[in-house]
Amino acid sequence: MTSSVATTREALFRPLQVRSIQLANRLVMSPMTRMGCPDALPDEVNRDYYASRAAGGTALIVTEGIGVDHPTSVDHGWIPRLDGPASVAAWRQVTDAVHSAGGRILTQLWHVGPLWGANARFDRANRDRLMERHPMRPSGRWGTPGVTTYSERSVARWSPEVAPMTEGDIAGVIDAFSRSARLAMEAGFDGVTLHGGHGYLLDSFVWSDTNRRTDTWGGDLAARSRFPAAVVAGVREAIGPDAPLFYRFSQHTQQDYTARKATTPDELGVYLGALADAGVDLLDASTRRFNDPAFPDLEGDDGEVSLAGWARRLTGLPTGAVGGVGIGASLREQKSGAPAHTADNIDAVAGCLEAGEFDLISVGRLHLADPAIATVLRTGDPLPEFVREVHEMPLRTPEG
């Protein structure tokens, strides 16, 4: 793009190299579940949805969560999967379009794990059949409910304990991630992101509330990090040495937004260090707001550092941040009824990039409000208004 950059926002538009790919700027289209893939396959609607954001100037597109090649990876018939030749061919149309528009694209591979059922409630045609399947949970636990947007009725339906994952289950899921990562490269993706946050399967091994195993996959934080590290190692082997591998992580879970996997920076370093050693290139810290302090009880400047900032400090890897960019209410607050008014915090984002707090910034809701949000940020024009009832609806539904 040739338009001039607002002087306070230059850090947003500097290039970044991650393994074999160079990104033209630091803007990322955040992964957002849209439930808009008939038969779990993207078509021209999905193709145009992603390509339009690349055409609008965003350097990196990260897809919505795509189910890995496992029976209980995703719990909705219109959530996409990467599980065979048909999915490779369908996603190739998307990746080709994004590349033609000047962007780069990563697939976000996903296994919902304990949270099986949360999406099935929206799939009326398949809900009963889906709910007959056995969800993957490290110790059989859904997780202790805390601060959550799920209703008491939903939690009561999903939370009864099931049999813990067996060694065969664990090996099968590791293999499923590796298979789908290989398929992603065949489909033309530039690399892979793993969804390791929010209480989903990878995260559920790290959270002590859902992982109470006493074997090699459970115990202290180092032991609880072995499963996600094994998945990372398998995916790294599958995609080869050149493709970038990102990992989204969080402190919170959807079962309890007050949950914490690490209570100190040292603990966080144990977990993230295992991922870095296994082959992760960039750690994507998912928080309610991009600059929320990760450990606010620490004294001095340490108490102001964000989760992405601590990840960068502790591992030396580049990091990404997400949460509340351009919008006053966090996503959780919005889901609880708070209005999502525009809040121009873009200069603060640029300041964090300039200071080396993090290296990429993911933008979700503003990408829904305006596919050319990168152009708006570049020029310093007023931010678009995000209207949930208009912009956050599924791309389309079985009813049309």
Protein backbone atom coordinates (compact mmCIF):
# COMPACT_ATOMS: atom_id res chain seq x y z
CA MET A 1 0.00 0.00 0.00
CA THR A 2 1.27 3.48 -0.81
CA SER A 3 -0.77 5.76 1.43
CA SER A 4 1.17 7.63 4.11
CA VAL A 5 1.21 6.38 7.68
CA ALA A 6 -0.01 8.47 10.60
CA THR A 7 3.20 9.39 12.42
CA THR A 8 2.18 7.91 15.77
CA ARG A 9 1.41 4.58 14.13
CA GLU A 10 4.57 3.83 12.20
CA ALA A 11 5.38 0.83 14.41
CA LEU A 12 2.21 -0.87 13.15
CA PHE A 13 3.50 -0.83 9.60
CA ARG A 14 7.03 -2.11 9.92
CA PRO A 15 7.79 -5.50 8.33
CA LEU A 16 8.49 -8.61 10.37
CA GLN A 17 10.24 -11.83 9.32
CA VAL A 18 9.16 -15.11 10.94
CA ARG A 19 11.06 -18.08 9.53
CA SER A 20 10.34 -18.19 5.80
CA ILE A 21 7.63 -15.52 5.64
CA GLN A 22 7.94 -11.76 5.69
CA LEU A 23 4.95 -9.81 6.90
CA ALA A 24 4.42 -6.35 5.46
CA ASN A 25 3.09 -4.98 8.75
CA ARG A 26 2.25 -6.04 12.30
CA LEU A 27 -1.50 -6.41 11.83
CA VAL A 28 -3.17 -9.81 12.14
CA MET A 29 -6.75 -10.77 11.45
CA SER A 30 -7.61 -12.61 14.62
CA PRO A 31 -9.18 -16.09 14.38
CA MET A 32 -12.95 -15.91 14.89
CA THR A 33 -15.38 -18.81 14.76
CA ARG A 34 -18.02 -18.02 12.13
CA MET A 35 -19.82 -21.40 11.68
CA GLY A 36 -20.13 -20.70 7.97
CA CYS A 37 -18.63 -23.71 6.18
CA PRO A 38 -21.26 -26.08 4.73
CA ASP A 39 -20.24 -29.69 5.35
CA ALA A 40 -17.17 -28.32 7.18
CA LEU A 41 -15.67 -27.09 3.87
CA PRO A 42 -14.98 -23.47 2.91
CA ASP A 43 -16.38 -22.16 -0.36
CA GLU A 44 -16.43 -18.86 -2.24
CA VAL A 45 -18.11 -17.05 0.67
CA ASN A 46 -15.29 -18.00 3.03
CA ARG A 47 -12.69 -17.36 0.33
CA ASP A 48 -13.92 -13.81 -0.19
CA TYR A 49 -14.26 -13.22 3.55
CA TYR A 50 -10.58 -13.88 4.16
CA ALA A 51 -9.22 -12.43 0.91
CA SER A 52 -11.03 -9.13 1.44
CA ARG A 53 -9.12 -8.55 4.68
CA ALA A 54 -5.83 -9.24 2.92
CA ALA A 55 -6.85 -6.90 0.11
CA GLY A 56 -7.62 -4.30 2.77
CA GLY A 57 -3.98 -4.29 3.82
CA THR A 58 -3.77 -6.73 6.74
CA ALA A 59 -0.48 -8.61 6.46
CA LEU A 60 -1.43 -11.85 8.19
CA ILE A 61 -4.72 -13.71 8.17
CA VAL A 62 -5.28 -16.39 10.79
CA THR A 63 -8.26 -18.59 10.04
CA GLU A 64 -11.03 -19.41 12.42
CA GLY A 65 -10.36 -22.57 14.39
CA ILE A 66 -10.18 -25.54 12.03
CA GLY A 67 -10.85 -28.96 13.50
CA VAL A 68 -8.02 -31.47 13.31
CA ASP A 69 -8.53 -34.94 11.88
CA HIS A 70 -10.16 -36.39 15.00
CA PRO A 71 -13.81 -37.37 15.68
CA THR A 72 -14.27 -34.92 18.56
CA SER A 73 -12.13 -32.02 17.41
CA VAL A 74 -15.04 -29.66 16.70
CA ASP A 75 -18.69 -29.93 17.63
CA HIS A 76 -20.59 -28.21 14.83
CA GLY A 77 -21.19 -29.37 11.27
CA TRP A 78 -20.47 -25.92 9.82
CA ILE A 79 -17.14 -25.42 11.60
CA PRO A 80 -14.35 -26.27 9.13
CA ARG A 81 -12.01 -29.23 9.37
CA LEU A 82 -8.72 -30.29 7.76
CA ASP A 83 -9.13 -34.02 7.42
CA GLY A 84 -8.61 -35.17 3.84
CA PRO A 85 -8.32 -34.33 0.13
CA ALA A 86 -11.64 -32.49 -0.07
CA SER A 87 -10.66 -30.10 2.69
CA VAL A 88 -7.23 -29.55 1.13
CA ALA A 89 -8.81 -28.62 -2.21
CA ALA A 90 -11.34 -26.31 -0.56
CA TRP A 91 -8.76 -24.49 1.56
CA ARG A 92 -6.40 -24.18 -1.42
CA GLN A 93 -8.94 -21.83 -3.01
CA VAL A 94 -8.83 -19.67 0.12
CA THR A 95 -5.04 -19.58 0.43
CA ASP A 96 -4.61 -18.81 -3.26
CA ALA A 97 -7.03 -15.89 -2.97
CA VAL A 98 -5.31 -14.47 0.11
CA HIS A 99 -1.91 -14.72 -1.58
CA SER A 100 -3.26 -13.07 -4.72
CA ALA A 101 -4.51 -10.21 -2.52
CA GLY A 102 -1.02 -9.74 -1.10
CA GLY A 103 -1.46 -11.39 2.28
CA ARG A 104 -0.12 -14.34 4.21
CA ILE A 105 -2.35 -16.92 5.89
CA LEU A 106 -1.96 -19.38 8.75
CA THR A 107 -4.42 -22.09 9.69
CA GLN A 108 -5.43 -22.28 13.34
CA LEU A 109 -5.69 -25.95 14.26
CA TRP A 110 -8.16 -26.69 17.02
CA HIS A 111 -9.46 -29.41 19.30
CA VAL A 112 -12.19 -28.29 21.69
CA GLY A 113 -11.46 -31.02 24.26
CA PRO A 114 -13.48 -30.57 27.46
CA LEU A 115 -15.63 -27.85 25.90
CA TRP A 116 -17.36 -30.28 23.55
CA GLY A 117 -21.01 -29.23 23.32
CA ALA A 118 -20.62 -25.45 23.50
CA ASN A 119 -20.91 -25.13 19.72
CA ALA A 120 -23.22 -28.11 19.23
CA ARG A 121 -26.04 -26.15 20.87
CA PHE A 122 -26.12 -24.00 17.71
CA ASP A 123 -26.26 -27.00 15.33
CA ARG A 124 -29.86 -28.07 15.61
CA ALA A 125 -29.66 -30.63 12.83
CA ASN A 126 -26.76 -32.54 14.38
CA ARG A 127 -26.86 -31.60 18.06
CA ASP A 128 -28.23 -34.85 19.46
CA ARG A 129 -25.85 -36.97 17.39
CA LEU A 130 -22.87 -34.83 18.37
CA MET A 131 -23.70 -35.00 22.06
CA GLU A 132 -23.55 -38.80 21.95
CA ARG A 133 -19.80 -38.66 21.35
CA HIS A 134 -17.23 -39.01 24.11
CA PRO A 135 -15.34 -35.75 24.68
CA MET A 136 -11.58 -35.72 25.18
CA ARG A 137 -10.68 -34.60 28.71
CA PRO A 138 -7.34 -35.25 30.46
CA SER A 139 -8.96 -36.38 33.70
CA GLY A 140 -12.57 -36.55 32.64
CA ARG A 141 -13.36 -33.15 34.15
CA TRP A 142 -15.08 -30.25 32.39
CA GLY A 143 -13.55 -27.84 34.87
CA THR A 144 -14.82 -26.10 37.97
CA PRO A 145 -17.28 -23.41 36.84
CA GLY A 146 -16.32 -19.89 37.82
CA VAL A 147 -16.81 -16.59 36.05
CA THR A 148 -18.22 -17.67 32.71
CA THR A 149 -20.62 -16.53 30.02
CA TYR A 150 -22.19 -20.01 29.83
CA SER A 151 -25.61 -20.42 31.42
CA GLU A 152 -26.10 -22.62 34.49
CA ARG A 153 -28.26 -24.92 32.37
CA SER A 154 -25.51 -25.38 29.79
CA VAL A 155 -22.85 -25.99 32.41
CA ALA A 156 -25.06 -28.59 34.08
CA ARG A 157 -25.44 -30.40 30.76
CA TRP A 158 -21.76 -30.39 29.83
CA SER A 159 -20.01 -30.75 33.18
CA PRO A 160 -20.66 -34.38 34.27
CA GLU A 161 -17.40 -36.25 34.39
CA VAL A 162 -16.46 -38.73 31.68
CA ALA A 163 -13.70 -41.32 31.44
CA PRO A 164 -10.22 -39.74 31.34
CA MET A 165 -8.20 -39.88 28.14
CA THR A 166 -6.28 -43.11 27.68
CA GLU A 167 -2.73 -43.37 26.37
CA GLY A 168 -4.29 -44.39 23.07
CA ASP A 169 -6.49 -41.27 23.09
CA ILE A 170 -3.48 -39.05 23.75
CA ALA A 171 -1.39 -40.62 20.99
CA GLY A 172 -4.33 -40.38 18.61
CA VAL A 173 -4.80 -36.67 19.19
CA ILE A 174 -1.09 -35.95 18.79
CA ASP A 175 -1.16 -37.80 15.47
CA ALA A 176 -4.33 -35.94 14.42
CA PHE A 177 -2.65 -32.56 14.88
CA SER A 178 0.35 -33.73 12.86
CA ARG A 179 -1.83 -35.08 10.03
CA SER A 180 -3.83 -31.90 9.79
CA ALA A 181 -0.66 -29.80 9.85
CA ARG A 182 0.65 -31.73 6.84
CA LEU A 183 -2.66 -31.18 5.08
CA ALA A 184 -2.43 -27.47 5.86
CA MET A 185 0.86 -27.22 4.00
CA GLU A 186 -0.63 -29.14 1.07
CA ALA A 187 -3.49 -26.63 1.06
CA GLY A 188 -1.07 -23.74 0.60
CA PHE A 189 -1.04 -22.27 4.08
CA ASP A 190 2.11 -20.33 4.98
CA GLY A 191 2.26 -21.97 8.40
CA VAL A 192 0.25 -23.15 11.37
CA THR A 193 -1.15 -21.70 14.58
CA LEU A 194 -2.19 -24.02 17.40
CA HIS A 195 -5.07 -23.00 19.66
CA GLY A 196 -3.63 -23.71 23.08
CA GLY A 197 -5.80 -21.44 25.19
CA HIS A 198 -9.28 -20.79 26.59
CA GLY A 199 -9.79 -24.21 28.20
CA TYR A 200 -9.68 -26.21 24.97
CA LEU A 201 -7.83 -29.52 24.80
CA LEU A 202 -4.20 -28.36 24.74
CA ASP A 203 -4.93 -25.85 27.49
CA SER A 204 -6.84 -28.37 29.59
CA PHE A 205 -3.66 -30.35 30.12
CA VAL A 206 -1.93 -27.25 31.49
CA TRP A 207 -4.76 -26.16 33.80
CA SER A 208 -4.45 -28.01 37.10
CA ASP A 209 -8.23 -28.02 37.56
CA THR A 210 -8.81 -30.19 34.47
CA ASN A 211 -5.57 -32.16 34.62
CA ARG A 212 -5.38 -34.24 37.78
CA ARG A 213 -3.51 -37.12 36.19
CA THR A 214 -0.80 -38.93 38.12
CA ASP A 215 1.04 -40.37 35.12
CA THR A 216 3.63 -38.73 32.87
CA TRP A 217 1.02 -36.31 31.50
CA GLY A 218 0.09 -34.85 34.89
CA GLY A 219 1.61 -33.50 38.07
CA ASP A 220 3.48 -30.21 38.35
CA LEU A 221 3.37 -27.52 35.69
CA ALA A 222 6.36 -28.96 33.83
CA ALA A 223 4.61 -32.32 33.59
CA ARG A 224 1.29 -30.75 32.60
CA SER A 225 3.09 -28.97 29.76
CA ARG A 226 4.27 -32.22 28.18
CA PHE A 227 1.16 -32.87 26.11
CA PRO A 228 1.00 -29.48 24.35
CA ALA A 229 4.78 -29.67 23.86
CA ALA A 230 4.38 -33.11 22.26
CA VAL A 231 1.74 -31.72 19.91
CA VAL A 232 4.04 -28.83 19.01
CA ALA A 233 6.93 -31.21 18.32
CA GLY A 234 4.75 -33.36 16.08
CA VAL A 235 3.45 -30.36 14.15
CA ARG A 236 6.94 -28.92 13.75
CA GLU A 237 8.09 -32.20 12.19
CA ALA A 238 5.02 -32.26 9.95
CA ILE A 239 5.41 -28.74 8.54
CA GLY A 240 9.19 -28.77 8.22
CA PRO A 241 11.89 -26.31 9.26
CA ASP A 242 10.83 -23.33 7.15
CA ALA A 243 7.15 -22.79 7.94
CA PRO A 244 6.29 -20.64 10.97
CA LEU A 245 4.52 -22.21 13.94
CA PHE A 246 2.52 -19.92 16.24
CA TYR A 247 0.89 -20.91 19.52
CA ARG A 248 -2.05 -19.10 21.11
CA PHE A 249 -2.14 -19.40 24.90
CA SER A 250 -4.07 -17.80 27.74
CA GLN A 251 -4.25 -17.63 31.49
CA HIS A 252 -8.06 -17.70 31.54
CA THR A 253 -10.41 -20.47 30.48
CA GLN A 254 -13.98 -20.27 29.24
CA GLN A 255 -15.00 -22.36 32.22
CA ASP A 256 -13.56 -19.66 34.51
CA TYR A 257 -12.24 -16.32 33.34
CA THR A 258 -10.41 -15.92 36.67
CA ALA A 259 -8.38 -19.13 36.17
CA ARG A 260 -4.60 -18.84 36.06
CA LYS A 261 -2.19 -21.48 34.73
CA ALA A 262 0.80 -19.58 36.11
CA THR A 263 0.76 -17.43 39.24
CA THR A 264 4.30 -16.09 38.80
CA PRO A 265 6.58 -15.26 35.88
CA ASP A 266 8.78 -18.22 36.83
CA GLU A 267 5.83 -20.59 36.45
CA LEU A 268 4.91 -19.01 33.14
CA GLY A 269 8.47 -19.56 31.98
CA VAL A 270 8.24 -23.28 32.72
CA TYR A 271 5.19 -23.66 30.50
CA LEU A 272 6.22 -21.36 27.66
CA GLY A 273 9.80 -22.61 27.73
CA ALA A 274 8.54 -26.13 27.00
CA LEU A 275 6.66 -24.84 23.97
CA ALA A 276 9.66 -22.89 22.73
CA ASP A 277 11.94 -25.91 23.11
CA ALA A 278 9.45 -28.03 21.15
CA GLY A 279 9.52 -25.72 18.12
CA VAL A 280 7.17 -22.74 18.52
CA ASP A 281 8.25 -19.57 16.69
CA LEU A 282 5.80 -17.02 18.09
CA LEU A 283 3.70 -17.01 21.26
CA ASP A 284 0.29 -15.38 20.87
CA ALA A 285 -1.00 -14.21 24.25
CA SER A 286 -4.80 -14.11 24.46
CA THR A 287 -6.12 -11.66 27.05
CA ARG A 288 -9.28 -9.63 27.57
CA ARG A 289 -7.32 -6.46 26.72
CA PHE A 290 -3.99 -6.39 24.90
CA ASN A 291 -2.17 -4.37 27.59
CA ASP A 292 -3.65 -5.84 30.76
CA PRO A 293 -0.87 -6.48 33.31
CA ALA A 294 -0.21 -10.21 33.65
CA PHE A 295 1.03 -10.07 37.24
CA PRO A 296 -0.31 -6.79 38.66
CA ASP A 297 0.77 -7.64 42.22
CA LEU A 298 4.45 -7.39 41.30
CA GLU A 299 6.23 -4.23 42.34
CA GLY A 300 7.36 -1.48 40.02
CA ASP A 301 7.41 -1.79 36.24
CA ASP A 302 7.11 -5.59 36.41
CA GLY A 303 3.55 -5.18 37.61
CA GLU A 304 2.65 -3.34 34.40
CA VAL A 305 3.96 -5.90 31.89
CA SER A 306 1.37 -7.66 29.74
CA LEU A 307 1.15 -11.41 29.18
CA ALA A 308 2.66 -10.98 25.72
CA GLY A 309 5.43 -8.89 27.23
CA TRP A 310 6.27 -11.54 29.80
CA ALA A 311 6.25 -14.25 27.13
CA ARG A 312 8.80 -12.25 25.14
CA ARG A 313 10.96 -11.61 28.20
CA LEU A 314 10.93 -15.21 29.36
CA THR A 315 11.54 -17.00 26.06
CA GLY A 316 13.18 -14.47 23.74
CA LEU A 317 10.61 -15.37 21.09
CA PRO A 318 8.51 -12.81 19.25
CA THR A 319 5.01 -12.52 20.64
CA GLY A 320 1.56 -11.41 19.64
CA ALA A 321 -1.14 -9.67 21.66
CA VAL A 322 -4.90 -9.48 21.27
CA GLY A 323 -7.88 -8.05 23.09
CA GLY A 324 -9.99 -4.90 22.90
CA VAL A 325 -8.18 -3.19 20.03
CA GLY A 326 -10.31 -0.20 19.08
CA ILE A 327 -13.20 -1.26 21.30
CA GLY A 328 -13.87 -0.28 24.90
CA ALA A 329 -15.56 -3.49 26.07
CA SER A 330 -13.69 -6.79 26.16
CA LEU A 331 -15.23 -9.70 24.29
CA ARG A 332 -16.37 -11.30 27.57
CA GLU A 333 -17.92 -8.02 28.72
CA GLN A 334 -19.65 -7.68 25.38
CA LYS A 335 -21.06 -11.20 25.63
CA SER A 336 -22.35 -10.26 29.09
CA GLY A 337 -24.27 -7.35 27.60
CA ALA A 338 -21.84 -4.43 27.68
CA PRO A 339 -21.98 -2.18 24.60
CA ALA A 340 -18.99 -2.47 22.28
CA HIS A 341 -18.37 1.23 21.72
CA THR A 342 -15.41 2.40 19.70
CA ALA A 343 -12.39 3.38 21.79
CA ASP A 344 -9.40 4.69 19.87
CA ASN A 345 -6.50 3.01 21.67
CA ILE A 346 -4.47 2.49 18.50
CA ASP A 347 -1.68 4.82 19.58
CA ALA A 348 -1.32 2.73 22.74
CA VAL A 349 -1.00 -0.40 20.59
CA ALA A 350 1.65 1.29 18.48
CA GLY A 351 3.45 2.38 21.64
CA CYS A 352 3.64 -1.20 22.88
CA LEU A 353 5.06 -2.32 19.54
CA GLU A 354 7.58 0.53 19.59
CA ALA A 355 8.66 -0.37 23.11
CA GLY A 356 9.15 -4.04 22.23
CA GLU A 357 6.32 -5.26 24.45
CA PHE A 358 5.12 -7.50 21.62
CA ASP A 359 5.65 -7.93 17.88
CA LEU A 360 2.20 -8.52 16.34
CA ILE A 361 -1.26 -7.28 17.24
CA SER A 362 -4.37 -9.30 16.40
CA VAL A 363 -7.54 -7.39 15.59
CA GLY A 364 -10.84 -9.22 15.70
CA ARG A 365 -14.07 -7.25 15.84
CA LEU A 366 -12.82 -4.27 13.84
CA HIS A 367 -11.95 -6.64 11.00
CA LEU A 368 -15.59 -7.67 11.00
CA ALA A 369 -16.72 -4.05 11.00
CA ASP A 370 -14.44 -3.05 8.10
CA PRO A 371 -12.39 -5.44 5.92
CA ALA A 372 -10.06 -2.51 5.13
CA ILE A 373 -9.35 -1.72 8.79
CA ALA A 374 -5.61 -1.77 8.03
CA THR A 375 -6.11 1.18 5.69
CA VAL A 376 -8.09 3.03 8.35
CA LEU A 377 -5.31 2.48 10.89
CA ARG A 378 -2.65 3.53 8.39
CA THR A 379 -4.28 6.85 7.58
CA GLY A 380 -5.54 7.64 11.08
CA ASP A 381 -9.15 7.94 9.92
CA PRO A 382 -11.94 7.45 12.48
CA LEU A 383 -12.44 3.87 13.56
CA PRO A 384 -15.55 2.02 12.33
CA GLU A 385 -18.36 1.29 14.74
CA PHE A 386 -18.70 -2.39 15.61
CA VAL A 387 -22.33 -3.49 15.87
CA ARG A 388 -22.59 -7.01 17.21
CA GLU A 389 -26.03 -7.70 15.75
CA VAL A 390 -24.70 -6.85 12.29
CA HIS A 391 -21.04 -7.83 12.27
CA GLU A 392 -20.76 -10.83 14.60
CA MET A 393 -23.44 -13.01 13.09
CA PRO A 394 -22.41 -16.29 11.38
CA LEU A 395 -21.39 -15.88 7.75
CA ARG A 396 -24.57 -17.82 6.92
CA THR A 397 -26.63 -20.61 8.44
CA PRO A 398 -28.23 -23.84 7.20
CA GLU A 399 -31.46 -21.86 7.05
CA GLY A 400 -29.76 -19.29 4.81
